[in-house]
Amino acid sequence: MTVTIYGIKNCDTMKKARTWLDGQGIAYRFHDYKAEGIDRAHLDRWCKEAGWEIVLNRAGTTFRNLPDADKQNLDAGKAIALMLAQPSMIKRPVLEAIGHLLIGFKPELYEALFHKANA
């Protein structure tokens, strides 16, 4: 089973998700946006599957500090361009596992996904 978790190393939510995975003995690959960046193909796929409104982290300081013009008239194309330019605007973590995509960390969703895979 290939599990990849995407995010930023020092993010508190990322730390919680990684601690949960470690506690369950689930092996994963950590993809750090700061070190490795992110490509358009991933963002296109995530936005198509989950919706750009879910993938774009509008609550974070990076988004909030944007000029108002950059925050107006958002659509998928503009959101993807913003996230490509500043990956810290991607909601964290993004988990790809067992053919599923989870955005954000909720222990009960992780539990349901991995419990189903091991059933």
N, C-alpha and C. Protein backbone atom coordinates (compact mmCIF):
# COMPACT_ATOMS: atom_id res chain seq x y z
N MET A 1 0.86 -1.18 0.00
CA MET A 1 0.00 0.00 0.00
C MET A 1 0.90 1.23 0.00
N THR A 2 0.70 2.09 -0.97
CA THR A 2 1.45 3.34 -1.05
C THR A 2 0.66 4.45 -0.38
N VAL A 3 1.29 5.10 0.58
CA VAL A 3 0.67 6.21 1.30
C VAL A 3 1.62 7.40 1.19
N THR A 4 1.09 8.52 0.71
CA THR A 4 1.88 9.74 0.64
C THR A 4 1.11 10.84 1.34
N ILE A 5 1.81 11.56 2.21
CA ILE A 5 1.22 12.69 2.90
C ILE A 5 1.99 13.94 2.48
N TYR A 6 1.24 14.95 2.04
CA TYR A 6 1.81 16.18 1.52
C TYR A 6 1.56 17.31 2.51
N GLY A 7 2.58 18.15 2.69
CA GLY A 7 2.41 19.29 3.57
C GLY A 7 3.71 19.99 3.86
N ILE A 8 3.74 20.64 5.01
CA ILE A 8 4.89 21.41 5.46
C ILE A 8 5.33 20.85 6.80
N LYS A 9 6.61 20.62 6.93
CA LYS A 9 7.18 19.95 8.09
C LYS A 9 6.75 20.54 9.43
N ASN A 10 6.75 21.85 9.57
CA ASN A 10 6.51 22.47 10.87
C ASN A 10 5.05 22.81 11.16
N CYS A 11 4.14 22.41 10.31
CA CYS A 11 2.72 22.67 10.51
C CYS A 11 2.19 21.78 11.64
N ASP A 12 1.47 22.36 12.59
CA ASP A 12 0.94 21.60 13.72
C ASP A 12 -0.02 20.50 13.28
N THR A 13 -0.86 20.79 12.29
CA THR A 13 -1.81 19.77 11.81
C THR A 13 -1.05 18.63 11.14
N MET A 14 0.01 18.95 10.42
CA MET A 14 0.84 17.91 9.81
C MET A 14 1.44 17.02 10.89
N LYS A 15 1.92 17.63 11.95
CA LYS A 15 2.52 16.86 13.05
C LYS A 15 1.50 15.89 13.65
N LYS A 16 0.26 16.35 13.81
CA LYS A 16 -0.79 15.48 14.36
C LYS A 16 -1.06 14.31 13.41
N ALA A 17 -1.14 14.59 12.12
CA ALA A 17 -1.42 13.53 11.15
C ALA A 17 -0.28 12.52 11.10
N ARG A 18 0.95 13.01 11.10
CA ARG A 18 2.09 12.10 11.04
C ARG A 18 2.20 11.28 12.33
N THR A 19 1.90 11.89 13.46
CA THR A 19 1.91 11.17 14.74
C THR A 19 0.84 10.08 14.71
N TRP A 20 -0.33 10.38 14.15
CA TRP A 20 -1.39 9.39 14.06
C TRP A 20 -0.93 8.21 13.18
N LEU A 21 -0.38 8.51 12.01
CA LEU A 21 0.10 7.44 11.11
C LEU A 21 1.17 6.61 11.79
N ASP A 22 2.13 7.28 12.43
CA ASP A 22 3.19 6.55 13.14
C ASP A 22 2.61 5.66 14.23
N GLY A 23 1.64 6.18 14.97
CA GLY A 23 1.02 5.42 16.06
C GLY A 23 0.27 4.18 15.58
N GLN A 24 -0.19 4.23 14.33
CA GLN A 24 -0.90 3.08 13.76
C GLN A 24 0.05 2.13 13.03
N GLY A 25 1.33 2.50 12.98
CA GLY A 25 2.30 1.66 12.27
C GLY A 25 2.14 1.70 10.76
N ILE A 26 1.61 2.81 10.25
CA ILE A 26 1.38 2.94 8.81
C ILE A 26 2.59 3.63 8.18
N ALA A 27 3.24 2.92 7.26
CA ALA A 27 4.38 3.49 6.55
C ALA A 27 3.87 4.49 5.51
N TYR A 28 4.58 5.59 5.38
CA TYR A 28 4.18 6.63 4.43
C TYR A 28 5.39 7.38 3.94
N ARG A 29 5.20 8.05 2.84
CA ARG A 29 6.20 8.97 2.30
C ARG A 29 5.71 10.38 2.59
N PHE A 30 6.58 11.21 3.14
CA PHE A 30 6.24 12.60 3.43
C PHE A 30 6.80 13.47 2.31
N HIS A 31 5.92 14.22 1.66
CA HIS A 31 6.30 15.16 0.60
C HIS A 31 6.19 16.57 1.16
N ASP A 32 7.32 17.20 1.37
CA ASP A 32 7.38 18.55 1.95
C ASP A 32 7.36 19.59 0.83
N TYR A 33 6.28 20.39 0.81
CA TYR A 33 6.16 21.43 -0.23
C TYR A 33 7.34 22.39 -0.22
N LYS A 34 7.85 22.71 0.97
CA LYS A 34 8.95 23.68 1.06
C LYS A 34 10.21 23.13 0.39
N ALA A 35 10.46 21.84 0.53
CA ALA A 35 11.66 21.22 -0.02
C ALA A 35 11.47 20.74 -1.46
N GLU A 36 10.28 20.20 -1.75
CA GLU A 36 10.06 19.54 -3.05
C GLU A 36 9.11 20.28 -3.98
N GLY A 37 8.39 21.28 -3.47
CA GLY A 37 7.40 21.96 -4.30
C GLY A 37 6.22 21.05 -4.58
N ILE A 38 5.41 21.48 -5.53
CA ILE A 38 4.26 20.68 -5.97
C ILE A 38 4.04 20.99 -7.44
N ASP A 39 3.58 20.02 -8.19
CA ASP A 39 3.38 20.27 -9.62
C ASP A 39 1.90 20.50 -9.94
N ARG A 40 1.68 21.05 -11.10
CA ARG A 40 0.33 21.39 -11.52
C ARG A 40 -0.55 20.14 -11.65
N ALA A 41 0.03 19.03 -12.08
CA ALA A 41 -0.76 17.80 -12.26
C ALA A 41 -1.40 17.37 -10.94
N HIS A 42 -0.65 17.44 -9.85
CA HIS A 42 -1.23 17.08 -8.55
C HIS A 42 -2.37 18.04 -8.19
N LEU A 43 -2.12 19.33 -8.32
CA LEU A 43 -3.14 20.31 -7.96
C LEU A 43 -4.38 20.17 -8.83
N ASP A 44 -4.18 19.96 -10.12
CA ASP A 44 -5.33 19.76 -11.02
C ASP A 44 -6.16 18.56 -10.57
N ARG A 45 -5.49 17.46 -10.26
CA ARG A 45 -6.18 16.23 -9.84
C ARG A 45 -6.90 16.44 -8.51
N TRP A 46 -6.21 17.03 -7.54
CA TRP A 46 -6.83 17.26 -6.24
C TRP A 46 -8.04 18.17 -6.34
N CYS A 47 -7.89 19.24 -7.14
CA CYS A 47 -9.01 20.18 -7.27
C CYS A 47 -10.18 19.55 -8.01
N LYS A 48 -9.89 18.69 -8.98
CA LYS A 48 -10.95 18.01 -9.70
C LYS A 48 -11.69 17.04 -8.78
N GLU A 49 -10.92 16.33 -7.94
CA GLU A 49 -11.51 15.32 -7.07
C GLU A 49 -12.20 15.92 -5.84
N ALA A 50 -11.56 16.89 -5.19
CA ALA A 50 -12.08 17.42 -3.93
C ALA A 50 -12.72 18.80 -4.07
N GLY A 51 -12.41 19.50 -5.15
CA GLY A 51 -12.88 20.87 -5.33
C GLY A 51 -11.81 21.86 -4.88
N TRP A 52 -11.56 22.87 -5.69
CA TRP A 52 -10.51 23.83 -5.34
C TRP A 52 -10.83 24.57 -4.04
N GLU A 53 -12.13 24.69 -3.75
CA GLU A 53 -12.54 25.39 -2.53
C GLU A 53 -12.07 24.66 -1.27
N ILE A 54 -11.91 23.33 -1.37
CA ILE A 54 -11.43 22.53 -0.25
C ILE A 54 -9.90 22.55 -0.21
N VAL A 55 -9.27 22.48 -1.37
CA VAL A 55 -7.81 22.38 -1.44
C VAL A 55 -7.14 23.70 -1.05
N LEU A 56 -7.72 24.82 -1.42
CA LEU A 56 -7.14 26.13 -1.10
C LEU A 56 -7.42 26.49 0.36
N ASN A 57 -6.37 26.75 1.10
CA ASN A 57 -6.49 27.11 2.51
C ASN A 57 -6.66 28.62 2.65
N ARG A 58 -7.91 29.06 2.70
CA ARG A 58 -8.18 30.49 2.82
C ARG A 58 -8.06 30.99 4.26
N ALA A 59 -7.94 30.08 5.22
CA ALA A 59 -7.84 30.48 6.62
C ALA A 59 -6.40 30.78 7.04
N GLY A 60 -5.43 30.37 6.24
CA GLY A 60 -4.03 30.55 6.60
C GLY A 60 -3.54 31.96 6.39
N THR A 61 -2.44 32.27 7.05
CA THR A 61 -1.89 33.63 6.96
C THR A 61 -1.37 33.95 5.56
N THR A 62 -0.87 32.97 4.83
CA THR A 62 -0.37 33.25 3.48
C THR A 62 -1.49 33.79 2.61
N PHE A 63 -2.65 33.15 2.65
CA PHE A 63 -3.78 33.62 1.86
C PHE A 63 -4.29 34.96 2.38
N ARG A 64 -4.44 35.06 3.68
CA ARG A 64 -4.97 36.30 4.26
C ARG A 64 -4.09 37.51 3.97
N ASN A 65 -2.78 37.28 3.81
CA ASN A 65 -1.86 38.38 3.54
C ASN A 65 -1.77 38.77 2.07
N LEU A 66 -2.48 38.06 1.21
CA LEU A 66 -2.48 38.41 -0.22
C LEU A 66 -3.16 39.76 -0.42
N PRO A 67 -2.77 40.47 -1.47
CA PRO A 67 -3.52 41.68 -1.82
C PRO A 67 -4.97 41.31 -2.14
N ASP A 68 -5.89 42.22 -1.82
CA ASP A 68 -7.32 41.95 -2.05
C ASP A 68 -7.60 41.55 -3.49
N ALA A 69 -6.90 42.13 -4.43
CA ALA A 69 -7.13 41.81 -5.85
C ALA A 69 -6.87 40.33 -6.14
N ASP A 70 -5.90 39.75 -5.46
CA ASP A 70 -5.59 38.34 -5.68
C ASP A 70 -6.65 37.42 -5.07
N LYS A 71 -7.39 37.91 -4.08
CA LYS A 71 -8.40 37.10 -3.42
C LYS A 71 -9.77 37.19 -4.08
N GLN A 72 -9.95 38.15 -4.97
CA GLN A 72 -11.25 38.35 -5.60
C GLN A 72 -11.39 37.50 -6.86
N ASN A 73 -12.63 37.19 -7.18
CA ASN A 73 -12.97 36.44 -8.40
C ASN A 73 -12.20 35.13 -8.51
N LEU A 74 -12.11 34.42 -7.40
CA LEU A 74 -11.40 33.15 -7.42
C LEU A 74 -12.18 32.11 -8.22
N ASP A 75 -11.44 31.33 -8.96
CA ASP A 75 -11.97 30.16 -9.64
C ASP A 75 -10.87 29.11 -9.59
N ALA A 76 -11.11 27.96 -10.18
CA ALA A 76 -10.13 26.87 -10.10
C ALA A 76 -8.78 27.29 -10.67
N GLY A 77 -8.78 27.93 -11.83
CA GLY A 77 -7.52 28.33 -12.46
C GLY A 77 -6.72 29.29 -11.62
N LYS A 78 -7.40 30.28 -11.06
CA LYS A 78 -6.71 31.28 -10.24
C LYS A 78 -6.23 30.65 -8.93
N ALA A 79 -7.04 29.79 -8.34
CA ALA A 79 -6.66 29.12 -7.09
C ALA A 79 -5.43 28.23 -7.31
N ILE A 80 -5.42 27.48 -8.40
CA ILE A 80 -4.28 26.61 -8.70
C ILE A 80 -3.03 27.45 -8.92
N ALA A 81 -3.14 28.56 -9.63
CA ALA A 81 -1.99 29.44 -9.84
C ALA A 81 -1.44 29.97 -8.52
N LEU A 82 -2.33 30.35 -7.61
CA LEU A 82 -1.90 30.83 -6.30
C LEU A 82 -1.18 29.73 -5.52
N MET A 83 -1.72 28.51 -5.55
CA MET A 83 -1.11 27.40 -4.81
C MET A 83 0.21 26.97 -5.42
N LEU A 84 0.33 27.05 -6.74
CA LEU A 84 1.61 26.75 -7.38
C LEU A 84 2.67 27.76 -6.96
N ALA A 85 2.28 29.02 -6.91
CA ALA A 85 3.22 30.09 -6.55
C ALA A 85 3.61 30.01 -5.07
N GLN A 86 2.66 29.64 -4.22
CA GLN A 86 2.89 29.58 -2.78
C GLN A 86 2.21 28.34 -2.21
N PRO A 87 2.90 27.20 -2.24
CA PRO A 87 2.29 25.95 -1.79
C PRO A 87 1.78 25.97 -0.35
N SER A 88 2.22 26.91 0.46
CA SER A 88 1.70 26.97 1.83
C SER A 88 0.22 27.34 1.84
N MET A 89 -0.34 27.71 0.68
CA MET A 89 -1.78 27.98 0.58
C MET A 89 -2.60 26.72 0.37
N ILE A 90 -1.94 25.57 0.25
CA ILE A 90 -2.66 24.30 0.10
C ILE A 90 -3.03 23.82 1.50
N LYS A 91 -4.29 23.47 1.67
CA LYS A 91 -4.74 22.96 2.97
C LYS A 91 -3.93 21.72 3.32
N ARG A 92 -3.61 21.59 4.59
CA ARG A 92 -2.75 20.50 5.02
C ARG A 92 -3.45 19.66 6.09
N PRO A 93 -3.04 18.40 6.08
CA PRO A 93 -2.28 17.67 5.07
C PRO A 93 -3.17 17.21 3.92
N VAL A 94 -2.52 16.81 2.85
CA VAL A 94 -3.19 16.10 1.77
C VAL A 94 -2.66 14.66 1.85
N LEU A 95 -3.55 13.72 1.97
CA LEU A 95 -3.17 12.32 2.09
C LEU A 95 -3.70 11.56 0.88
N GLU A 96 -2.79 10.87 0.21
CA GLU A 96 -3.17 9.96 -0.88
C GLU A 96 -2.88 8.55 -0.41
N ALA A 97 -3.91 7.72 -0.36
CA ALA A 97 -3.75 6.35 0.12
C ALA A 97 -4.89 5.49 -0.38
N ILE A 98 -4.56 4.29 -0.81
CA ILE A 98 -5.55 3.27 -1.16
C ILE A 98 -6.55 3.81 -2.20
N GLY A 99 -6.07 4.62 -3.12
CA GLY A 99 -6.95 5.18 -4.14
C GLY A 99 -7.87 6.27 -3.64
N HIS A 100 -7.61 6.80 -2.45
CA HIS A 100 -8.44 7.86 -1.87
C HIS A 100 -7.61 9.11 -1.62
N LEU A 101 -8.32 10.20 -1.49
CA LEU A 101 -7.72 11.50 -1.22
C LEU A 101 -8.42 12.09 0.00
N LEU A 102 -7.64 12.42 1.03
CA LEU A 102 -8.18 13.10 2.20
C LEU A 102 -7.46 14.43 2.34
N ILE A 103 -8.24 15.49 2.55
CA ILE A 103 -7.66 16.83 2.70
C ILE A 103 -7.99 17.32 4.10
N GLY A 104 -6.95 17.72 4.83
CA GLY A 104 -7.12 18.09 6.23
C GLY A 104 -6.95 16.84 7.08
N PHE A 105 -6.87 17.03 8.39
CA PHE A 105 -6.70 15.87 9.28
C PHE A 105 -7.86 15.76 10.24
N LYS A 106 -8.57 14.66 10.12
CA LYS A 106 -9.59 14.27 11.08
C LYS A 106 -9.32 12.81 11.39
N PRO A 107 -8.93 12.53 12.64
CA PRO A 107 -8.56 11.15 12.99
C PRO A 107 -9.62 10.12 12.61
N GLU A 108 -10.90 10.48 12.75
CA GLU A 108 -11.95 9.51 12.44
C GLU A 108 -11.98 9.16 10.94
N LEU A 109 -11.64 10.10 10.08
CA LEU A 109 -11.60 9.81 8.64
C LEU A 109 -10.39 8.94 8.30
N TYR A 110 -9.26 9.23 8.93
CA TYR A 110 -8.08 8.39 8.72
C TYR A 110 -8.38 6.96 9.20
N GLU A 111 -8.98 6.86 10.38
CA GLU A 111 -9.32 5.55 10.95
C GLU A 111 -10.24 4.78 10.00
N ALA A 112 -11.26 5.42 9.50
CA ALA A 112 -12.20 4.76 8.59
C ALA A 112 -11.50 4.29 7.32
N LEU A 113 -10.64 5.13 6.77
CA LEU A 113 -9.94 4.77 5.53
C LEU A 113 -9.03 3.56 5.75
N PHE A 114 -8.20 3.60 6.77
CA PHE A 114 -7.24 2.53 6.97
C PHE A 114 -7.88 1.27 7.56
N HIS A 115 -8.95 1.43 8.34
CA HIS A 115 -9.68 0.27 8.86
C HIS A 115 -10.30 -0.51 7.70
N LYS A 116 -10.88 0.24 6.75
CA LYS A 116 -11.51 -0.38 5.58
C LYS A 116 -10.46 -1.13 4.76
N ALA A 117 -9.27 -0.54 4.65
CA ALA A 117 -8.20 -1.16 3.86
C ALA A 117 -7.70 -2.45 4.50
N ASN A 118 -7.75 -2.52 5.81
CA ASN A 118 -7.24 -3.70 6.52
C ASN A 118 -8.31 -4.73 6.83
N ALA A 119 -9.56 -4.42 6.47
CA ALA A 119 -10.67 -5.34 6.77
C ALA A 119 -10.71 -6.50 5.80
